[in-house]
């Protein structure tokens, strides 16, 4: 058993990258199968390539499902909140601001899109930084929006490649 205390990543993650193209620092693959209803959203099974993530997906009750499991919106909100909190914490550490009691909550709404008649997501990020002066907190959050890849993706989109494989 590992007795080391968990540590935040080093501040060197804040160093600017000057390369010519995208350089991956970490890559993961998560696979969803259809499960009992043969429908990833309604009864899917989520598995990460390293085996650390195994979840059953269930359609939320608000969308006609049983609501007895997690759903894609919760997973997206969790990733967004964790990434934003991590980026905020790095910036706060560099600025010597205590983030011990800070929280980041992300509300994700799945709904109908009037632009194309399909579906869309809306995310609202709420940050609490008890004991931090408001102007300091606001500056840290503005800088975090530029650093956090989830915030960047929400603002600018994401490079996505969709393909059929054998």
N, C-alpha and C. Protein backbone atom coordinates (compact mmCIF):
# COMPACT_ATOMS: atom_id res chain seq x y z
N UNK A 1 0.85 -1.18 0.00
CA UNK A 1 0.00 0.00 0.00
C UNK A 1 0.90 1.24 0.00
N UNK A 2 0.52 2.21 -0.76
CA UNK A 2 1.29 3.45 -0.89
C UNK A 2 0.90 4.42 0.22
N UNK A 3 1.88 4.82 1.04
CA UNK A 3 1.60 5.71 2.16
C UNK A 3 1.91 7.17 1.85
N UNK A 4 2.25 7.48 0.61
CA UNK A 4 2.54 8.87 0.25
C UNK A 4 1.27 9.69 0.25
N UNK A 5 1.39 10.93 0.74
CA UNK A 5 0.26 11.86 0.69
C UNK A 5 0.06 12.33 -0.74
N UNK A 6 -1.17 12.52 -1.12
CA UNK A 6 -1.46 13.06 -2.44
C UNK A 6 -0.99 14.51 -2.51
N UNK A 7 -0.41 14.87 -3.61
CA UNK A 7 0.13 16.21 -3.80
C UNK A 7 -0.46 16.84 -5.05
N UNK A 8 -0.60 18.16 -5.07
CA UNK A 8 -1.04 18.82 -6.30
C UNK A 8 0.09 18.75 -7.33
N UNK A 9 -0.25 18.97 -8.59
CA UNK A 9 0.80 18.96 -9.61
C UNK A 9 1.74 20.16 -9.44
N UNK A 10 2.91 20.10 -10.05
CA UNK A 10 3.88 21.19 -9.89
C UNK A 10 3.44 22.45 -10.65
N UNK A 11 3.90 23.59 -10.16
CA UNK A 11 3.60 24.86 -10.81
C UNK A 11 4.18 24.95 -12.22
N UNK A 12 5.10 24.06 -12.57
CA UNK A 12 5.66 24.07 -13.93
C UNK A 12 4.58 23.80 -14.98
N UNK A 13 3.44 23.26 -14.56
CA UNK A 13 2.33 23.09 -15.51
C UNK A 13 1.82 24.44 -16.02
N UNK A 14 2.15 25.51 -15.32
CA UNK A 14 1.74 26.84 -15.75
C UNK A 14 2.71 27.45 -16.78
N UNK A 15 3.86 26.79 -17.00
CA UNK A 15 4.81 27.29 -18.00
C UNK A 15 4.18 27.27 -19.38
N UNK A 16 4.41 28.32 -20.14
CA UNK A 16 3.86 28.42 -21.49
C UNK A 16 4.55 27.45 -22.44
N UNK A 17 3.77 26.79 -23.26
CA UNK A 17 4.26 25.88 -24.29
C UNK A 17 4.51 26.68 -25.55
N UNK A 18 5.63 26.45 -26.19
CA UNK A 18 6.00 27.21 -27.39
C UNK A 18 6.18 26.31 -28.61
N UNK A 19 5.64 25.11 -28.60
CA UNK A 19 5.80 24.18 -29.71
C UNK A 19 4.95 24.55 -30.92
N UNK A 20 5.16 23.82 -31.98
CA UNK A 20 4.46 24.08 -33.24
C UNK A 20 3.08 23.42 -33.32
N UNK A 21 2.91 22.31 -32.66
CA UNK A 21 1.64 21.58 -32.72
C UNK A 21 1.23 21.10 -31.35
N UNK A 22 0.08 20.48 -31.31
CA UNK A 22 -0.45 19.93 -30.07
C UNK A 22 0.48 18.83 -29.57
N UNK A 23 0.78 18.84 -28.29
CA UNK A 23 1.59 17.80 -27.67
C UNK A 23 0.79 17.21 -26.51
N UNK A 24 0.43 15.95 -26.65
CA UNK A 24 -0.36 15.28 -25.61
C UNK A 24 0.50 15.02 -24.37
N UNK A 25 -0.04 15.35 -23.21
CA UNK A 25 0.61 15.05 -21.93
C UNK A 25 0.01 13.80 -21.30
N UNK A 26 -1.22 13.51 -21.65
CA UNK A 26 -1.94 12.34 -21.13
C UNK A 26 -3.03 12.00 -22.12
N UNK A 27 -3.22 10.73 -22.33
CA UNK A 27 -4.28 10.26 -23.23
C UNK A 27 -5.01 9.11 -22.55
N UNK A 28 -6.31 9.10 -22.67
CA UNK A 28 -7.10 8.00 -22.13
C UNK A 28 -8.18 7.65 -23.16
N UNK A 29 -8.68 6.44 -23.04
CA UNK A 29 -9.80 6.01 -23.88
C UNK A 29 -10.88 5.46 -22.96
N UNK A 30 -12.09 5.93 -23.15
CA UNK A 30 -13.24 5.42 -22.42
C UNK A 30 -14.20 4.86 -23.46
N UNK A 31 -14.65 3.64 -23.22
CA UNK A 31 -15.54 2.95 -24.16
C UNK A 31 -16.90 2.77 -23.51
N UNK A 32 -17.95 3.02 -24.29
CA UNK A 32 -19.32 2.81 -23.83
C UNK A 32 -19.95 1.72 -24.69
N UNK A 33 -20.54 0.72 -24.04
CA UNK A 33 -21.33 -0.28 -24.74
C UNK A 33 -22.79 -0.05 -24.36
N UNK A 34 -23.71 -0.65 -25.10
CA UNK A 34 -25.12 -0.36 -24.96
C UNK A 34 -25.84 -0.95 -23.77
N UNK A 35 -25.30 -2.02 -23.18
CA UNK A 35 -25.96 -2.63 -22.04
C UNK A 35 -27.30 -3.25 -22.38
N UNK A 36 -28.13 -3.41 -21.38
CA UNK A 36 -29.41 -4.13 -21.49
C UNK A 36 -30.33 -3.60 -22.57
N UNK A 37 -30.45 -2.28 -22.70
CA UNK A 37 -31.35 -1.68 -23.70
C UNK A 37 -30.64 -1.43 -25.03
N UNK A 38 -29.36 -1.84 -25.12
CA UNK A 38 -28.55 -1.61 -26.32
C UNK A 38 -28.55 -0.13 -26.69
N UNK A 39 -28.47 0.73 -25.67
CA UNK A 39 -28.52 2.17 -25.84
C UNK A 39 -27.58 2.79 -24.81
N UNK A 40 -26.47 3.36 -25.27
CA UNK A 40 -25.45 3.87 -24.37
C UNK A 40 -25.95 4.83 -23.31
N UNK A 41 -26.87 5.70 -23.68
CA UNK A 41 -27.37 6.70 -22.73
C UNK A 41 -28.34 6.08 -21.73
N UNK A 42 -29.14 5.12 -22.17
CA UNK A 42 -30.19 4.54 -21.32
C UNK A 42 -29.67 3.43 -20.42
N UNK A 43 -28.73 2.63 -20.92
CA UNK A 43 -28.27 1.48 -20.14
C UNK A 43 -26.80 1.17 -20.40
N UNK A 44 -26.05 2.17 -20.80
CA UNK A 44 -24.66 1.96 -21.17
C UNK A 44 -23.76 1.54 -20.03
N UNK A 45 -22.66 0.93 -20.43
CA UNK A 45 -21.62 0.56 -19.48
C UNK A 45 -20.36 1.29 -19.93
N UNK A 46 -19.78 2.05 -19.00
CA UNK A 46 -18.60 2.88 -19.26
C UNK A 46 -17.38 2.18 -18.68
N UNK A 47 -16.33 2.06 -19.50
CA UNK A 47 -15.07 1.46 -19.01
C UNK A 47 -13.90 2.25 -19.57
N UNK A 48 -12.98 2.62 -18.69
CA UNK A 48 -11.75 3.28 -19.14
C UNK A 48 -10.71 2.22 -19.48
N UNK A 49 -9.77 2.62 -20.33
CA UNK A 49 -8.75 1.67 -20.78
C UNK A 49 -7.87 1.16 -19.65
N UNK A 50 -7.74 1.91 -18.56
CA UNK A 50 -6.91 1.46 -17.44
C UNK A 50 -7.72 0.73 -16.36
N UNK A 51 -9.04 0.63 -16.55
CA UNK A 51 -9.90 -0.08 -15.61
C UNK A 51 -10.27 0.70 -14.36
N UNK A 52 -9.81 1.94 -14.24
CA UNK A 52 -10.13 2.73 -13.05
C UNK A 52 -11.54 3.32 -13.07
N UNK A 53 -12.16 3.36 -14.21
CA UNK A 53 -13.52 3.89 -14.33
C UNK A 53 -14.41 2.82 -14.92
N UNK A 54 -15.38 2.37 -14.14
CA UNK A 54 -16.39 1.42 -14.61
C UNK A 54 -17.71 1.89 -14.02
N UNK A 55 -18.63 2.32 -14.88
CA UNK A 55 -19.91 2.85 -14.42
C UNK A 55 -21.05 2.34 -15.29
N UNK A 56 -22.22 2.25 -14.69
CA UNK A 56 -23.44 2.00 -15.43
C UNK A 56 -24.11 3.34 -15.69
N UNK A 57 -24.50 3.58 -16.93
CA UNK A 57 -25.23 4.80 -17.27
C UNK A 57 -26.72 4.53 -17.24
N UNK A 58 -27.47 5.53 -16.82
CA UNK A 58 -28.92 5.42 -16.80
C UNK A 58 -29.52 6.76 -17.24
N UNK A 59 -30.60 6.68 -17.97
CA UNK A 59 -31.32 7.86 -18.40
C UNK A 59 -31.93 8.53 -17.18
N UNK A 60 -31.74 9.85 -17.02
CA UNK A 60 -32.32 10.54 -15.86
C UNK A 60 -33.85 10.44 -15.86
N UNK A 61 -34.44 10.47 -14.68
CA UNK A 61 -35.89 10.41 -14.55
C UNK A 61 -36.56 11.55 -15.33
N UNK A 62 -35.91 12.73 -15.36
CA UNK A 62 -36.48 13.87 -16.08
C UNK A 62 -36.60 13.62 -17.58
N UNK A 63 -35.88 12.60 -18.07
CA UNK A 63 -35.92 12.27 -19.50
C UNK A 63 -36.62 10.94 -19.75
N UNK A 64 -37.37 10.46 -18.72
CA UNK A 64 -38.15 9.24 -18.88
C UNK A 64 -37.45 7.97 -18.45
N UNK A 65 -36.28 8.07 -17.87
CA UNK A 65 -35.55 6.89 -17.42
C UNK A 65 -35.75 6.64 -15.94
N UNK A 66 -35.05 5.61 -15.43
CA UNK A 66 -35.18 5.27 -14.02
C UNK A 66 -34.40 6.21 -13.09
N UNK A 67 -33.39 6.88 -13.64
CA UNK A 67 -32.60 7.80 -12.83
C UNK A 67 -31.76 7.11 -11.78
N UNK A 68 -31.51 5.82 -11.92
CA UNK A 68 -30.82 5.05 -10.88
C UNK A 68 -29.32 4.89 -11.13
N UNK A 69 -28.75 5.74 -11.97
CA UNK A 69 -27.31 5.67 -12.24
C UNK A 69 -26.83 7.02 -12.71
N UNK A 70 -25.58 7.08 -13.05
CA UNK A 70 -25.02 8.34 -13.53
C UNK A 70 -25.39 8.54 -15.00
N UNK A 71 -25.15 9.73 -15.49
CA UNK A 71 -25.47 10.03 -16.89
C UNK A 71 -24.35 10.88 -17.48
N UNK A 72 -24.32 11.03 -18.80
CA UNK A 72 -23.23 11.77 -19.44
C UNK A 72 -23.08 13.21 -18.96
N UNK A 73 -24.18 13.88 -18.63
CA UNK A 73 -24.10 15.26 -18.17
C UNK A 73 -23.38 15.35 -16.83
N UNK A 74 -23.63 14.38 -15.94
CA UNK A 74 -22.93 14.35 -14.66
C UNK A 74 -21.43 14.13 -14.87
N UNK A 75 -21.08 13.24 -15.78
CA UNK A 75 -19.67 12.97 -16.05
C UNK A 75 -18.98 14.19 -16.63
N UNK A 76 -19.66 14.88 -17.56
CA UNK A 76 -19.08 16.09 -18.14
C UNK A 76 -18.93 17.17 -17.07
N UNK A 77 -19.96 17.35 -16.23
CA UNK A 77 -19.89 18.35 -15.16
C UNK A 77 -18.76 18.03 -14.19
N UNK A 78 -18.57 16.76 -13.88
CA UNK A 78 -17.50 16.36 -12.96
C UNK A 78 -16.13 16.67 -13.57
N UNK A 79 -15.94 16.34 -14.83
CA UNK A 79 -14.67 16.63 -15.49
C UNK A 79 -14.39 18.11 -15.56
N UNK A 80 -15.40 18.88 -15.93
CA UNK A 80 -15.26 20.33 -16.05
C UNK A 80 -14.92 20.94 -14.69
N UNK A 81 -15.67 20.56 -13.65
CA UNK A 81 -15.45 21.11 -12.32
C UNK A 81 -14.06 20.74 -11.79
N UNK A 82 -13.66 19.49 -11.98
CA UNK A 82 -12.34 19.06 -11.49
C UNK A 82 -11.22 19.79 -12.20
N UNK A 83 -11.33 19.92 -13.51
CA UNK A 83 -10.29 20.60 -14.28
C UNK A 83 -10.22 22.08 -13.91
N UNK A 84 -11.38 22.74 -13.81
CA UNK A 84 -11.40 24.15 -13.46
C UNK A 84 -10.83 24.37 -12.06
N UNK A 85 -11.22 23.51 -11.12
CA UNK A 85 -10.70 23.63 -9.75
C UNK A 85 -9.18 23.44 -9.75
N UNK A 86 -8.70 22.48 -10.51
CA UNK A 86 -7.27 22.23 -10.57
C UNK A 86 -6.50 23.41 -11.14
N UNK A 87 -6.99 23.97 -12.24
CA UNK A 87 -6.33 25.13 -12.85
C UNK A 87 -6.38 26.33 -11.91
N UNK A 88 -7.53 26.55 -11.28
CA UNK A 88 -7.69 27.64 -10.33
C UNK A 88 -6.72 27.48 -9.15
N UNK A 89 -6.59 26.26 -8.67
CA UNK A 89 -5.69 25.99 -7.54
C UNK A 89 -4.24 26.28 -7.90
N UNK A 90 -3.83 25.90 -9.12
CA UNK A 90 -2.45 26.18 -9.55
C UNK A 90 -2.19 27.69 -9.60
N UNK A 91 -3.13 28.41 -10.20
CA UNK A 91 -2.96 29.87 -10.29
C UNK A 91 -2.98 30.51 -8.91
N UNK A 92 -3.83 30.02 -8.03
CA UNK A 92 -3.91 30.56 -6.66
C UNK A 92 -2.62 30.26 -5.90
N UNK A 93 -2.07 29.07 -6.08
CA UNK A 93 -0.82 28.73 -5.39
C UNK A 93 0.31 29.66 -5.85
N UNK A 94 0.37 29.91 -7.16
CA UNK A 94 1.40 30.81 -7.68
C UNK A 94 1.22 32.21 -7.09
N UNK A 95 -0.03 32.63 -6.90
CA UNK A 95 -0.33 33.95 -6.34
C UNK A 95 -0.33 33.95 -4.81
N UNK A 96 -0.03 32.80 -4.22
CA UNK A 96 -0.01 32.63 -2.76
C UNK A 96 -1.37 32.94 -2.12
N UNK A 97 -2.41 32.44 -2.76
CA UNK A 97 -3.78 32.58 -2.26
C UNK A 97 -4.23 31.21 -1.75
N UNK A 98 -4.76 31.16 -0.54
CA UNK A 98 -5.20 29.91 0.07
C UNK A 98 -6.50 29.43 -0.58
N UNK A 99 -6.47 28.22 -1.13
CA UNK A 99 -7.64 27.63 -1.79
C UNK A 99 -8.22 26.46 -1.00
N UNK A 100 -7.84 26.33 0.25
CA UNK A 100 -8.22 25.18 1.06
C UNK A 100 -9.73 24.93 1.05
N UNK A 101 -10.52 25.97 1.10
CA UNK A 101 -11.98 25.80 1.20
C UNK A 101 -12.72 26.19 -0.08
N UNK A 102 -12.01 26.35 -1.17
CA UNK A 102 -12.64 26.74 -2.44
C UNK A 102 -13.42 25.57 -3.03
N UNK A 103 -14.52 25.89 -3.68
CA UNK A 103 -15.31 24.87 -4.39
C UNK A 103 -15.64 25.38 -5.79
N UNK A 104 -15.74 24.43 -6.70
CA UNK A 104 -16.19 24.72 -8.06
C UNK A 104 -17.35 23.77 -8.34
N UNK A 105 -18.51 24.32 -8.63
CA UNK A 105 -19.69 23.53 -8.98
C UNK A 105 -20.04 23.85 -10.43
N UNK A 106 -20.29 22.81 -11.21
CA UNK A 106 -20.69 23.00 -12.60
C UNK A 106 -22.07 22.38 -12.79
N UNK A 107 -22.99 23.21 -13.22
CA UNK A 107 -24.34 22.75 -13.55
C UNK A 107 -24.42 22.60 -15.06
N UNK A 108 -24.78 21.41 -15.52
CA UNK A 108 -24.91 21.15 -16.95
C UNK A 108 -26.38 20.86 -17.25
N UNK A 109 -26.92 21.58 -18.19
CA UNK A 109 -28.30 21.35 -18.63
C UNK A 109 -28.29 20.79 -20.04
N UNK A 110 -29.02 19.73 -20.25
CA UNK A 110 -29.21 19.11 -21.56
C UNK A 110 -30.59 19.52 -22.04
N UNK A 111 -30.68 20.07 -23.24
CA UNK A 111 -31.99 20.51 -23.70
C UNK A 111 -32.07 20.69 -25.19
N UNK A 112 -33.20 21.18 -25.61
CA UNK A 112 -33.48 21.38 -27.04
C UNK A 112 -32.83 22.66 -27.52
N UNK A 113 -32.27 22.59 -28.73
CA UNK A 113 -31.56 23.71 -29.34
C UNK A 113 -32.45 24.36 -30.40
N UNK A 114 -32.89 25.61 -30.18
CA UNK A 114 -33.76 26.27 -31.15
C UNK A 114 -33.03 26.62 -32.46
N UNK A 115 -31.69 26.62 -32.43
CA UNK A 115 -30.93 26.97 -33.63
C UNK A 115 -31.09 25.91 -34.70
N UNK A 116 -30.92 24.62 -34.33
CA UNK A 116 -30.99 23.57 -35.33
C UNK A 116 -32.09 22.54 -35.06
N UNK A 117 -32.86 22.73 -33.99
CA UNK A 117 -33.93 21.80 -33.66
C UNK A 117 -33.45 20.54 -32.96
N UNK A 118 -32.15 20.42 -32.75
CA UNK A 118 -31.58 19.24 -32.09
C UNK A 118 -31.42 19.46 -30.59
N UNK A 119 -30.24 19.14 -30.11
CA UNK A 119 -29.96 19.21 -28.68
C UNK A 119 -28.71 20.03 -28.43
N UNK A 120 -28.58 20.54 -27.22
CA UNK A 120 -27.41 21.32 -26.84
C UNK A 120 -27.20 21.19 -25.34
N UNK A 121 -26.01 21.56 -24.92
CA UNK A 121 -25.67 21.61 -23.50
C UNK A 121 -25.40 23.05 -23.11
N UNK A 122 -25.77 23.39 -21.90
CA UNK A 122 -25.41 24.68 -21.32
C UNK A 122 -24.74 24.36 -19.99
N UNK A 123 -23.59 25.00 -19.75
CA UNK A 123 -22.87 24.78 -18.50
C UNK A 123 -22.75 26.10 -17.75
N UNK A 124 -23.00 26.04 -16.45
CA UNK A 124 -22.80 27.20 -15.58
C UNK A 124 -21.79 26.81 -14.51
N UNK A 125 -20.72 27.59 -14.41
CA UNK A 125 -19.65 27.32 -13.45
C UNK A 125 -19.78 28.31 -12.30
N UNK A 126 -19.87 27.77 -11.08
CA UNK A 126 -19.99 28.62 -9.89
C UNK A 126 -18.82 28.34 -8.96
N UNK A 127 -18.09 29.39 -8.63
CA UNK A 127 -16.88 29.27 -7.81
C UNK A 127 -17.10 29.95 -6.47
N UNK A 128 -16.75 29.26 -5.39
CA UNK A 128 -16.75 29.85 -4.05
C UNK A 128 -15.31 29.84 -3.56
N UNK A 129 -14.86 30.99 -3.08
CA UNK A 129 -13.51 31.11 -2.54
C UNK A 129 -13.58 31.85 -1.21
N UNK A 130 -14.05 31.17 -0.15
CA UNK A 130 -14.19 31.82 1.15
C UNK A 130 -12.86 32.40 1.63
N UNK A 131 -12.93 33.62 2.16
CA UNK A 131 -11.75 34.27 2.71
C UNK A 131 -10.87 34.96 1.69
N UNK A 132 -11.23 34.89 0.41
CA UNK A 132 -10.44 35.54 -0.65
C UNK A 132 -11.18 36.81 -1.07
N UNK A 133 -10.46 37.92 -1.10
CA UNK A 133 -11.08 39.18 -1.51
C UNK A 133 -11.68 39.02 -2.92
N UNK A 134 -12.84 39.64 -3.10
CA UNK A 134 -13.58 39.46 -4.35
C UNK A 134 -12.76 39.83 -5.59
N UNK A 135 -12.04 40.95 -5.57
CA UNK A 135 -11.28 41.34 -6.76
C UNK A 135 -10.16 40.35 -7.06
N UNK A 136 -9.59 39.75 -6.03
CA UNK A 136 -8.55 38.72 -6.21
C UNK A 136 -9.19 37.46 -6.80
N UNK A 137 -10.32 37.06 -6.24
CA UNK A 137 -11.03 35.88 -6.74
C UNK A 137 -11.44 36.06 -8.19
N UNK A 138 -11.98 37.23 -8.54
CA UNK A 138 -12.41 37.48 -9.92
C UNK A 138 -11.25 37.43 -10.90
N UNK A 139 -10.10 37.98 -10.50
CA UNK A 139 -8.92 37.93 -11.38
C UNK A 139 -8.44 36.49 -11.57
N UNK A 140 -8.41 35.73 -10.48
CA UNK A 140 -8.01 34.33 -10.59
C UNK A 140 -8.96 33.54 -11.49
N UNK A 141 -10.25 33.78 -11.36
CA UNK A 141 -11.24 33.07 -12.19
C UNK A 141 -11.09 33.46 -13.66
N UNK A 142 -10.89 34.74 -13.95
CA UNK A 142 -10.67 35.17 -15.35
C UNK A 142 -9.46 34.47 -15.94
N UNK A 143 -8.39 34.40 -15.18
CA UNK A 143 -7.18 33.74 -15.67
C UNK A 143 -7.38 32.23 -15.81
N UNK A 144 -8.17 31.66 -14.91
CA UNK A 144 -8.47 30.23 -14.98
C UNK A 144 -9.27 29.92 -16.24
N UNK A 145 -10.19 30.80 -16.61
CA UNK A 145 -10.97 30.58 -17.84
C UNK A 145 -10.07 30.47 -19.07
N UNK A 146 -8.95 31.16 -19.05
CA UNK A 146 -8.01 31.09 -20.18
C UNK A 146 -7.12 29.85 -20.10
N UNK A 147 -6.89 29.33 -18.89
CA UNK A 147 -5.99 28.19 -18.70
C UNK A 147 -6.70 26.84 -18.79
N UNK A 148 -7.88 26.73 -18.22
CA UNK A 148 -8.59 25.45 -18.13
C UNK A 148 -9.03 24.97 -19.51
N UNK A 149 -8.60 23.77 -19.93
CA UNK A 149 -9.00 23.28 -21.26
C UNK A 149 -10.50 23.03 -21.40
N UNK A 150 -11.19 22.71 -20.31
CA UNK A 150 -12.65 22.54 -20.40
C UNK A 150 -13.32 23.88 -20.67
N UNK A 151 -12.87 24.94 -19.98
CA UNK A 151 -13.43 26.27 -20.22
C UNK A 151 -13.12 26.71 -21.65
N UNK A 152 -11.90 26.42 -22.10
CA UNK A 152 -11.50 26.76 -23.46
C UNK A 152 -12.37 26.01 -24.48
N UNK A 153 -12.62 24.73 -24.22
CA UNK A 153 -13.46 23.92 -25.10
C UNK A 153 -14.88 24.48 -25.13
N UNK A 154 -15.41 24.84 -23.98
CA UNK A 154 -16.77 25.38 -23.92
C UNK A 154 -16.87 26.70 -24.67
N UNK A 155 -15.81 27.48 -24.65
CA UNK A 155 -15.80 28.79 -25.30
C UNK A 155 -15.48 28.70 -26.79
N UNK A 156 -14.51 27.88 -27.15
CA UNK A 156 -13.99 27.87 -28.52
C UNK A 156 -14.32 26.61 -29.31
N UNK A 157 -14.82 25.59 -28.66
CA UNK A 157 -15.04 24.31 -29.33
C UNK A 157 -13.86 23.39 -29.09
N UNK A 158 -13.91 22.22 -29.68
CA UNK A 158 -12.87 21.20 -29.49
C UNK A 158 -12.55 20.59 -30.84
N UNK A 159 -11.30 20.26 -31.04
CA UNK A 159 -10.92 19.53 -32.25
C UNK A 159 -11.39 18.10 -32.06
N UNK A 160 -12.27 17.65 -32.92
CA UNK A 160 -12.88 16.32 -32.78
C UNK A 160 -12.78 15.57 -34.09
N UNK A 161 -12.32 14.34 -34.01
CA UNK A 161 -12.23 13.47 -35.18
C UNK A 161 -13.17 12.29 -34.93
N UNK A 162 -14.12 12.09 -35.81
CA UNK A 162 -15.08 10.99 -35.69
C UNK A 162 -14.84 10.04 -36.84
N UNK A 163 -14.66 8.75 -36.53
CA UNK A 163 -14.38 7.80 -37.60
C UNK A 163 -14.99 6.44 -37.27
N UNK A 164 -15.23 5.64 -38.29
CA UNK A 164 -15.69 4.27 -38.14
C UNK A 164 -14.46 3.40 -38.29
N UNK A 165 -14.24 2.48 -37.33
CA UNK A 165 -13.09 1.59 -37.39
C UNK A 165 -13.55 0.14 -37.49
N UNK A 166 -12.68 -0.72 -37.92
CA UNK A 166 -13.01 -2.16 -38.04
C UNK A 166 -12.82 -2.87 -36.74
